[in-house]
Amino acid sequence: MTFKKHPELAWRLLGVVFFGVLVVGGRAEDGWSTGLDLTVESSAGLSGGVRSGQALHGLALVHADWKQPDTHAEGLNYTGYVSALALAGKGPSECFVGDFLAVSNTEGYPSARLYSWWLEASLRDWSLRGGVLLADEEFSGTEAGGNFFNSAFGWPVFISANTVNTGPAFYVAAPGIRLERKWGEAAAWRIGVYDGDTFDSSAGDPAVTRHGLHYQLGGDQGWFVITEAEFASGNKATRFKLGTWLHTAVFADMRDDAEGQPFAISGHESRRHNFNFGSYAAIEHTLAGESGKAGDIEVFFRAGFSPSDRNAVGWAIDAGLGWTGPIPGRPADVVALGIAHAEFSSRFSANAHLADLASPVPDFEQVIEVSYAIKLSARFKLQPDIQFIRHPGGSTAQRDTCVFLLRLNACY
C-alpha cells in the first residue's frame, strides 16, 4: 500500500497528526488558543408543511488556533487551525417541513467528525492555505446574511444545489488549497481548488464521511474551483463581490438525451456534460452607524446564475437587512429581515412535468425570514426566528409553511 495509490490514507494520517499536535501540544504563550461553540435549536411547524411537528437538534464545535508567536511584517508567517464537529438530532426540514432550501443552517447528518483543518503561510499581501477546507467560510458570503437561520442566506443555493453533494461547506469539509491576495482593506482576490465530492458518495450518502476521515480525491468526482474578487468604495460603506465557480465532473442534462429529445419520453440516458459552472455577484451597504456597533444598519443583495441544461436551479437571489441595537439599552441585539428566492431551471421543470403530468410543475421556493438575536451575556445568545416558506419543496404540491425556531448559542 502506497500513498500514491491511496492518497486518502495520506490525508487521513496527516489530519489526525495535525489535530493531535494542535490540541495536545498547544500553549497560550506559544500562540495557541482554543474554543468551544455549543448550539441547541428547537423548532415547530405553525402551519403547512408535510406534517405538523416539532424538532430538536444541536451541534458542538471544538477548535484550536495557532499563530506564529514572532510575526514579521515583511517575512513569511504561519497560522494553523483544526476543529472537530458533533451533530445530534434531526432538524425541521427533515422532520416536518419538506422544503428545498433547508430551514436551519445547523441541520446535518448526526455524527461526530474531524472537521476542518489547515495550515496557512502568508507573505506580505499574499496567503496560501492548504488542508481540509470549507469554501463557505471564505467565498460568496455576506456579513448581514449571517444573521439568518435559513441556509439560502449562507452557502448559496445557486452553488449548493448545482454541485455534487452541496460542495465544500457545512457540514463536510474537503481537501483543497486556497490562494489569496489583498490590497489593504479596499480589495481582495482569492481562488480555491477543492475535491469535487465532499461526501465521497455519488449516491449522496453522508454516512461514508461520518467521521471526517474518508478522503477520496479526484477521479470521477472531479474538482470544484471557485474564484472571487472583492472591493469596497472609498469610505468602505459599499462592498462588492463578483465570483464564478467551475466543477470538472460529468453532469447529466436536466431534460434531453444524446439525440436532443426529452429522455422522459425516449427512455434513453440523459446527455452528459463534461463540466458545470455558474457566476454570482453580491453588494452590501452600510446605511447608518459603524459595523458591529449600536445603530449599525446593513443591507445586502446577492444573485447567482447557472446554465439550465445541467442545473436544477437556474437562478437564485437573497436580500436582507440587519439592524444592531434597535432597542434602547440593548446595544448588541440584532434584528434581521430577509427574503430568498430560488427559481428552478426551465429544463428541470419541463422534465419533471413530462415525467409526472399529474403533479404541479416545479417552479420556485421562496422564504421570508424575521429574526431577533438577544445577547444575554458575553458567552450566551438567544435567537427566536420565524420563517414563511412559499412552495416548500419547489411547487404548489405542498401548502405554504410557517415555522418558528428558537436557538441558544454558547461560546467558550
Protein backbone atom coordinates (compact mmCIF):
# COMPACT_ATOMS: atom_id res chain seq x y z
CA MET A 1 0.00 0.00 0.00
CA THR A 2 1.42 3.40 -1.01
CA PHE A 3 0.27 6.98 -0.59
CA LYS A 4 0.49 7.38 -4.38
CA LYS A 5 -2.12 4.65 -4.90
CA HIS A 6 -4.14 5.58 -1.82
CA PRO A 7 -3.93 9.37 -1.34
CA GLU A 8 -6.88 9.29 1.06
CA LEU A 9 -4.68 7.41 3.56
CA ALA A 10 -2.10 10.21 3.46
CA TRP A 11 -4.79 12.83 4.08
CA ARG A 12 -6.23 10.76 6.93
CA LEU A 13 -2.92 10.31 8.73
CA LEU A 14 -1.91 13.93 8.18
CA GLY A 15 -5.24 15.18 9.55
CA VAL A 16 -5.08 13.06 12.70
CA VAL A 17 -1.47 14.02 13.40
CA PHE A 18 -2.18 17.69 12.81
CA PHE A 19 -5.19 17.57 15.16
CA GLY A 20 -3.15 15.93 17.89
CA VAL A 21 -0.26 18.36 17.59
CA LEU A 22 -2.53 21.41 17.71
CA VAL A 23 -4.83 20.37 20.54
CA VAL A 24 -2.46 18.46 22.79
CA GLY A 25 0.73 20.42 22.24
CA GLY A 26 -0.58 23.95 22.26
CA ARG A 27 0.13 26.55 24.90
CA ALA A 28 -1.27 30.09 25.02
CA GLU A 29 2.20 31.63 25.36
CA ASP A 30 3.24 29.86 22.13
CA GLY A 31 0.43 31.41 20.11
CA TRP A 32 -2.26 28.81 20.80
CA SER A 33 -5.93 29.35 21.61
CA THR A 34 -8.89 27.01 21.86
CA GLY A 35 -12.64 27.44 21.75
CA LEU A 36 -15.93 25.63 22.10
CA ASP A 37 -19.23 26.60 20.43
CA LEU A 38 -22.47 24.94 21.51
CA THR A 39 -25.81 25.40 19.74
CA VAL A 40 -29.20 23.95 20.67
CA GLU A 41 -32.19 24.64 18.45
CA SER A 42 -35.86 23.78 18.77
CA SER A 43 -38.46 24.29 16.06
CA ALA A 44 -42.18 23.88 15.48
CA GLY A 45 -44.37 23.97 12.42
CA LEU A 46 -47.11 26.57 12.83
CA SER A 47 -48.89 25.75 9.56
CA GLY A 48 -48.45 23.86 6.29
CA GLY A 49 -45.51 21.55 5.55
CA VAL A 50 -45.50 17.81 5.07
CA ARG A 51 -46.94 17.32 8.55
CA SER A 52 -47.28 19.17 11.83
CA GLY A 53 -44.45 18.56 14.24
CA GLN A 54 -41.53 19.71 16.34
CA ALA A 55 -37.81 19.10 16.18
CA LEU A 56 -34.80 19.44 18.45
CA HIS A 57 -31.21 19.32 17.26
CA GLY A 58 -27.84 20.78 18.12
CA LEU A 59 -24.13 20.87 17.46
CA ALA A 60 -20.82 21.24 19.25
CA LEU A 61 -17.72 22.66 17.57
CA VAL A 62 -14.35 22.48 19.28
CA HIS A 63 -11.43 24.22 17.64
CA ALA A 64 -7.82 25.17 18.19
CA ASP A 65 -5.95 28.01 16.51
CA TRP A 66 -2.24 28.58 16.26
CA LYS A 67 -0.47 31.79 15.28
CA GLN A 68 3.25 32.16 14.90
CA PRO A 69 4.37 33.99 18.07
CA ASP A 70 7.03 36.10 16.35
CA THR A 71 5.42 37.63 13.27
CA HIS A 72 7.34 39.60 10.68
CA ALA A 73 5.75 42.36 8.64
CA GLU A 74 7.91 41.62 5.60
CA GLY A 75 8.63 37.95 6.24
CA LEU A 76 6.90 34.61 5.96
CA ASN A 77 4.35 33.94 8.71
CA TYR A 78 2.32 30.84 9.58
CA THR A 79 -1.07 30.14 11.15
CA GLY A 80 -2.90 26.88 11.75
CA TYR A 81 -6.39 25.69 12.61
CA VAL A 82 -8.13 22.43 13.44
CA SER A 83 -11.67 21.60 14.52
CA ALA A 84 -14.00 18.74 15.37
CA LEU A 85 -17.77 18.83 14.91
CA ALA A 86 -20.56 16.84 16.54
CA LEU A 87 -24.17 16.96 15.30
CA ALA A 88 -27.15 15.49 17.13
CA GLY A 89 -30.86 15.24 16.43
CA LYS A 90 -32.93 15.99 13.33
CA GLY A 91 -33.89 19.43 12.10
CA PRO A 92 -37.20 20.85 10.84
CA SER A 93 -36.59 20.27 7.12
CA GLU A 94 -36.21 16.54 7.65
CA CYS A 95 -38.82 16.17 10.38
CA PHE A 96 -41.83 18.09 9.13
CA VAL A 97 -41.22 20.88 6.57
CA GLY A 98 -40.00 19.01 3.48
CA ASP A 99 -38.57 22.17 1.92
CA PHE A 100 -35.77 22.55 -0.63
CA LEU A 101 -33.66 25.39 0.77
CA ALA A 102 -33.25 24.00 4.34
CA VAL A 103 -34.87 25.92 7.19
CA SER A 104 -31.90 25.58 9.56
CA ASN A 105 -28.24 26.14 8.67
CA THR A 106 -27.18 23.89 11.58
CA GLU A 107 -29.10 20.85 10.37
CA GLY A 108 -26.98 17.89 9.24
CA TYR A 109 -26.29 14.18 9.43
CA PRO A 110 -25.97 13.14 13.13
CA SER A 111 -22.28 12.35 13.56
CA ALA A 112 -19.02 13.23 15.26
CA ARG A 113 -16.17 14.09 12.93
CA LEU A 114 -12.78 15.63 12.42
CA TYR A 115 -13.91 18.79 10.67
CA SER A 116 -11.79 21.49 9.05
CA TRP A 117 -8.03 21.68 9.49
CA TRP A 118 -5.37 23.65 7.66
CA LEU A 119 -2.03 25.41 7.68
CA GLU A 120 -1.60 28.85 6.13
CA ALA A 121 1.53 30.67 5.03
CA SER A 122 1.41 34.42 4.39
CA LEU A 123 3.95 36.77 2.85
CA ARG A 124 3.05 40.46 2.91
CA ASP A 125 -0.28 40.68 0.99
CA TRP A 126 -0.34 37.04 -0.21
CA SER A 127 -1.51 33.96 1.67
CA LEU A 128 -1.72 30.27 0.77
CA ARG A 129 -3.88 27.88 2.79
CA GLY A 130 -3.92 24.09 2.43
CA GLY A 131 -5.65 21.24 4.23
CA VAL A 132 -9.28 20.23 4.61
CA LEU A 133 -11.24 23.40 3.99
CA LEU A 134 -14.70 24.96 3.95
CA ALA A 135 -15.32 27.19 0.94
CA ASP A 136 -18.41 28.73 2.53
CA GLU A 137 -16.20 30.38 5.17
CA GLU A 138 -14.33 32.47 2.58
CA PHE A 139 -16.42 32.67 -0.61
CA SER A 140 -19.76 34.19 -1.64
CA GLY A 141 -20.91 35.11 1.87
CA THR A 142 -22.42 38.37 3.09
CA GLU A 143 -21.91 39.85 6.54
CA ALA A 144 -25.58 40.52 7.25
CA GLY A 145 -26.55 37.13 5.82
CA GLY A 146 -25.03 35.55 8.92
CA ASN A 147 -27.97 36.83 10.98
CA PHE A 148 -30.37 34.33 9.40
CA PHE A 149 -31.13 30.65 10.01
CA ASN A 150 -32.25 29.56 6.54
CA SER A 151 -29.40 28.02 4.57
CA ALA A 152 -30.26 30.10 1.50
CA PHE A 153 -28.63 33.13 3.18
CA GLY A 154 -25.34 31.29 3.77
CA TRP A 155 -23.70 28.95 1.24
CA PRO A 156 -25.99 29.95 -1.64
CA VAL A 157 -28.40 27.54 -3.29
CA PHE A 158 -27.17 28.53 -6.75
CA ILE A 159 -23.97 26.69 -5.79
CA SER A 160 -25.08 24.06 -3.27
CA ALA A 161 -27.96 22.69 -5.39
CA ASN A 162 -25.90 22.55 -8.58
CA THR A 163 -22.66 20.96 -7.42
CA VAL A 164 -22.02 17.42 -6.15
CA ASN A 165 -23.34 16.93 -2.60
CA THR A 166 -23.50 20.72 -1.92
CA GLY A 167 -19.75 21.36 -2.32
CA PRO A 168 -17.16 22.09 0.43
CA ALA A 169 -19.44 23.65 3.02
CA PHE A 170 -21.16 22.90 6.33
CA TYR A 171 -21.21 20.17 7.47
CA VAL A 172 -18.50 18.37 5.41
CA ALA A 173 -15.15 19.96 4.53
CA ALA A 174 -13.00 18.95 1.55
CA PRO A 175 -9.25 18.62 0.86
CA GLY A 176 -8.08 21.65 -1.04
CA ILE A 177 -5.95 24.76 -1.31
CA ARG A 178 -6.78 28.48 -1.32
CA LEU A 179 -4.67 31.38 -2.60
CA GLU A 180 -5.49 34.97 -1.61
CA ARG A 181 -4.14 38.43 -2.45
CA LYS A 182 -5.20 41.55 -0.53
CA TRP A 183 -4.82 45.23 -1.26
CA GLY A 184 -5.22 46.64 2.23
CA GLU A 185 -8.88 46.77 3.24
CA ALA A 186 -10.05 48.06 -0.14
CA ALA A 187 -9.83 44.96 -2.32
CA ALA A 188 -9.02 41.25 -2.38
CA TRP A 189 -8.88 38.34 -4.80
CA ARG A 190 -8.98 34.66 -3.88
CA ILE A 191 -9.21 31.30 -5.60
CA GLY A 192 -9.84 27.84 -4.12
CA VAL A 193 -9.49 24.33 -5.56
CA TYR A 194 -11.23 21.50 -3.69
CA ASP A 195 -12.06 17.83 -4.02
CA GLY A 196 -15.23 17.56 -6.11
CA ASP A 197 -17.30 15.33 -3.79
CA THR A 198 -17.18 16.09 -0.09
CA PHE A 199 -19.31 13.01 0.71
CA ASP A 200 -17.21 10.66 -1.45
CA SER A 201 -20.54 9.14 -2.44
CA SER A 202 -22.22 9.58 -5.83
CA ALA A 203 -25.46 8.44 -4.17
CA GLY A 204 -25.20 11.26 -1.62
CA ASP A 205 -24.80 9.00 1.42
CA PRO A 206 -23.37 11.14 4.27
CA ALA A 207 -22.55 8.04 6.32
CA VAL A 208 -19.48 7.47 4.14
CA THR A 209 -17.80 10.52 5.70
CA ARG A 210 -19.46 10.37 9.11
CA HIS A 211 -16.13 10.62 10.97
CA GLY A 212 -14.43 13.11 8.64
CA LEU A 213 -11.61 10.67 7.91
CA HIS A 214 -12.58 9.50 4.43
CA TYR A 215 -10.73 11.43 1.72
CA GLN A 216 -11.06 10.18 -1.83
CA LEU A 217 -9.56 12.61 -4.32
CA GLY A 218 -10.13 13.41 -7.99
CA GLY A 219 -11.19 10.72 -10.45
CA ASP A 220 -14.85 10.76 -11.43
CA GLN A 221 -15.54 13.19 -8.58
CA GLY A 222 -13.74 15.94 -10.46
CA TRP A 223 -12.62 19.18 -8.80
CA PHE A 224 -14.52 22.19 -7.53
CA VAL A 225 -12.90 25.53 -8.33
CA ILE A 226 -14.17 28.92 -7.15
CA THR A 227 -12.69 32.39 -7.53
CA GLU A 228 -13.86 35.74 -6.24
CA ALA A 229 -12.94 39.43 -6.37
CA GLU A 230 -13.93 41.74 -3.54
CA PHE A 231 -13.65 45.50 -3.43
CA ALA A 232 -15.05 48.45 -1.48
CA SER A 233 -15.83 52.13 -2.01
CA GLY A 234 -13.51 54.79 -0.63
CA ASN A 235 -15.26 55.00 2.73
CA LYS A 236 -15.96 51.24 2.72
CA ALA A 237 -19.69 51.87 3.14
CA THR A 238 -20.39 49.87 -0.03
CA ARG A 239 -18.77 46.50 -0.70
CA PHE A 240 -18.96 44.33 -3.82
CA LYS A 241 -18.22 40.69 -4.60
CA LEU A 242 -18.01 39.09 -8.04
CA GLY A 243 -17.34 35.38 -8.38
CA THR A 244 -17.53 32.34 -10.58
CA TRP A 245 -17.26 28.61 -9.97
CA LEU A 246 -16.44 25.52 -12.04
CA HIS A 247 -16.95 21.82 -11.34
CA THR A 248 -14.99 19.41 -13.56
CA ALA A 249 -17.12 16.27 -13.00
CA VAL A 250 -19.62 14.90 -15.52
CA PHE A 251 -23.17 16.28 -15.15
CA ALA A 252 -26.38 14.90 -16.60
CA ASP A 253 -28.65 17.05 -18.75
CA MET A 254 -31.82 18.07 -16.97
CA ARG A 255 -34.13 17.16 -19.89
CA ASP A 256 -32.52 15.86 -23.10
CA ASP A 257 -30.86 12.64 -24.20
CA ALA A 258 -27.89 12.45 -26.59
CA GLU A 259 -30.22 12.98 -29.57
CA GLY A 260 -31.73 16.14 -28.10
CA GLN A 261 -35.04 14.50 -27.22
CA PRO A 262 -36.63 14.51 -23.72
CA PHE A 263 -35.37 11.35 -22.01
CA ALA A 264 -38.60 11.15 -20.01
CA ILE A 265 -40.27 10.26 -23.34
CA SER A 266 -37.49 8.48 -25.26
CA GLY A 267 -36.39 6.32 -22.31
CA HIS A 268 -32.72 6.85 -23.27
CA GLU A 269 -29.98 8.01 -20.95
CA SER A 270 -29.57 11.72 -20.45
CA ARG A 271 -26.98 13.70 -22.33
CA ARG A 272 -23.69 14.18 -20.49
CA HIS A 273 -21.89 17.48 -19.90
CA ASN A 274 -18.20 17.39 -19.05
CA PHE A 275 -18.32 20.24 -16.52
CA ASN A 276 -20.61 22.64 -14.71
CA PHE A 277 -20.28 26.30 -13.86
CA GLY A 278 -22.01 29.41 -12.57
CA SER A 279 -21.42 33.02 -11.54
CA TYR A 280 -22.61 35.34 -8.78
CA ALA A 281 -22.49 38.89 -7.51
CA ALA A 282 -23.19 40.50 -4.14
CA ILE A 283 -23.45 44.05 -2.87
CA GLU A 284 -23.52 45.17 0.76
CA HIS A 285 -24.06 48.68 2.06
CA THR A 286 -23.91 50.34 5.48
CA LEU A 287 -26.94 52.61 5.73
CA ALA A 288 -26.02 54.02 9.13
CA GLY A 289 -23.61 53.60 12.00
CA GLU A 290 -20.45 51.56 12.30
CA SER A 291 -20.21 47.83 11.64
CA GLY A 292 -20.99 45.75 14.73
CA LYS A 293 -21.94 48.68 16.93
CA ALA A 294 -25.30 50.01 18.08
CA GLY A 295 -27.05 51.94 15.35
CA ASP A 296 -25.42 49.94 12.56
CA ILE A 297 -27.83 49.13 9.71
CA GLU A 298 -26.54 46.80 6.98
CA VAL A 299 -28.36 45.82 3.78
CA PHE A 300 -27.32 43.30 1.14
CA PHE A 301 -28.36 41.77 -2.17
CA ARG A 302 -26.89 38.65 -3.79
CA ALA A 303 -27.68 36.81 -7.02
CA GLY A 304 -26.31 33.77 -8.84
CA PHE A 305 -26.93 32.07 -12.17
CA SER A 306 -26.16 28.70 -13.78
CA PRO A 307 -26.98 27.16 -17.20
CA SER A 308 -30.40 25.50 -17.27
CA ASP A 309 -29.33 22.46 -19.30
CA ARG A 310 -27.36 20.85 -16.43
CA ASN A 311 -28.64 22.50 -13.25
CA ALA A 312 -31.75 22.15 -11.11
CA VAL A 313 -31.63 25.80 -10.01
CA GLY A 314 -31.36 28.30 -12.85
CA TRP A 315 -31.01 31.38 -10.68
CA ALA A 316 -31.46 32.48 -7.09
CA ILE A 317 -31.38 35.72 -5.14
CA ASP A 318 -31.38 36.71 -1.49
CA ALA A 319 -31.55 40.10 0.16
CA GLY A 320 -31.93 41.42 3.65
CA LEU A 321 -31.35 43.93 6.39
CA GLY A 322 -29.60 43.70 9.74
CA TRP A 323 -30.00 46.36 12.44
CA THR A 324 -27.74 46.31 15.50
CA GLY A 325 -29.08 47.82 18.73
CA PRO A 326 -32.66 48.53 17.61
CA ILE A 327 -33.92 48.81 21.20
CA PRO A 328 -32.51 51.39 23.66
CA GLY A 329 -30.48 49.70 26.34
CA ARG A 330 -29.82 46.64 24.11
CA PRO A 331 -26.77 47.75 22.04
CA ALA A 332 -25.66 44.27 20.98
CA ASP A 333 -29.02 42.82 19.90
CA VAL A 334 -29.67 42.39 16.18
CA VAL A 335 -32.97 42.34 14.31
CA ALA A 336 -32.92 40.96 10.77
CA LEU A 337 -35.39 40.73 7.90
CA GLY A 338 -34.63 38.81 4.72
CA ILE A 339 -36.08 37.19 1.61
CA ALA A 340 -34.61 34.41 -0.55
CA HIS A 341 -35.93 33.07 -3.84
CA ALA A 342 -34.70 30.03 -5.81
CA GLU A 343 -36.05 29.51 -9.33
CA PHE A 344 -35.87 26.04 -10.84
CA SER A 345 -34.35 25.87 -14.31
CA SER A 346 -36.69 25.61 -17.29
CA ARG A 347 -35.30 22.23 -18.38
CA PHE A 348 -35.57 20.75 -14.90
CA SER A 349 -39.19 21.87 -14.66
CA ALA A 350 -40.01 20.63 -18.15
CA ASN A 351 -38.58 17.17 -17.44
CA ALA A 352 -40.44 16.90 -14.12
CA HIS A 353 -43.67 17.78 -15.91
CA LEU A 354 -43.10 15.17 -18.64
CA ALA A 355 -42.26 12.52 -16.04
CA ASP A 356 -45.43 13.19 -13.99
CA LEU A 357 -48.16 15.07 -15.83
CA ALA A 358 -50.50 14.88 -12.84
CA SER A 359 -48.24 16.75 -10.40
CA PRO A 360 -47.68 20.52 -10.24
CA VAL A 361 -44.75 21.77 -12.30
CA PRO A 362 -41.73 22.70 -10.13
CA ASP A 363 -41.32 26.45 -10.22
CA PHE A 364 -39.67 28.05 -7.20
CA GLU A 365 -39.22 28.10 -3.45
CA GLN A 366 -39.21 31.35 -1.53
CA VAL A 367 -38.59 32.15 2.12
CA ILE A 368 -39.26 35.29 4.15
CA GLU A 369 -37.45 35.33 7.48
CA VAL A 370 -37.58 37.56 10.55
CA SER A 371 -35.10 37.06 13.38
CA TYR A 372 -34.07 38.75 16.62
CA ALA A 373 -30.73 37.91 18.27
CA ILE A 374 -30.66 38.65 22.01
CA LYS A 375 -27.19 38.87 23.54
CA LEU A 376 -27.67 37.57 27.06
CA SER A 377 -24.01 37.87 28.06
CA ALA A 378 -20.53 37.71 26.58
CA ARG A 379 -20.98 33.95 26.11
CA PHE A 380 -24.68 33.37 25.54
CA LYS A 381 -27.07 34.39 22.79
CA LEU A 382 -30.76 33.56 22.38
CA GLN A 383 -32.37 33.95 18.97
CA PRO A 384 -36.06 33.47 18.10
CA ASP A 385 -36.81 33.20 14.38
CA ILE A 386 -39.89 32.93 12.14
CA GLN A 387 -39.87 31.77 8.53
CA PHE A 388 -42.67 31.79 5.99
CA ILE A 389 -41.95 29.42 3.10
CA ARG A 390 -43.79 29.64 -0.19
CA HIS A 391 -43.91 26.49 -2.35
CA PRO A 392 -41.91 24.29 0.05
CA GLY A 393 -40.18 21.60 -1.99
CA GLY A 394 -40.38 23.81 -5.06
CA SER A 395 -44.01 23.57 -6.20
CA THR A 396 -47.61 24.01 -5.10
CA ALA A 397 -47.81 20.32 -4.16
CA GLN A 398 -47.39 21.33 -0.51
CA ARG A 399 -49.11 24.10 1.40
CA ASP A 400 -47.12 27.21 2.21
CA THR A 401 -45.41 26.74 5.57
CA CYS A 402 -44.75 28.85 8.66
CA VAL A 403 -42.03 27.69 11.08
CA PHE A 404 -40.91 29.03 14.45
CA LEU A 405 -37.37 28.36 15.67
CA LEU A 406 -35.52 29.16 18.88
CA ARG A 407 -31.75 28.88 19.06
CA LEU A 408 -29.46 29.10 22.09
CA ASN A 409 -25.77 29.55 21.42
CA ALA A 410 -22.91 29.41 23.92
CA CYS A 411 -19.26 30.21 23.19
CA TYR A 412 -16.27 29.42 25.42
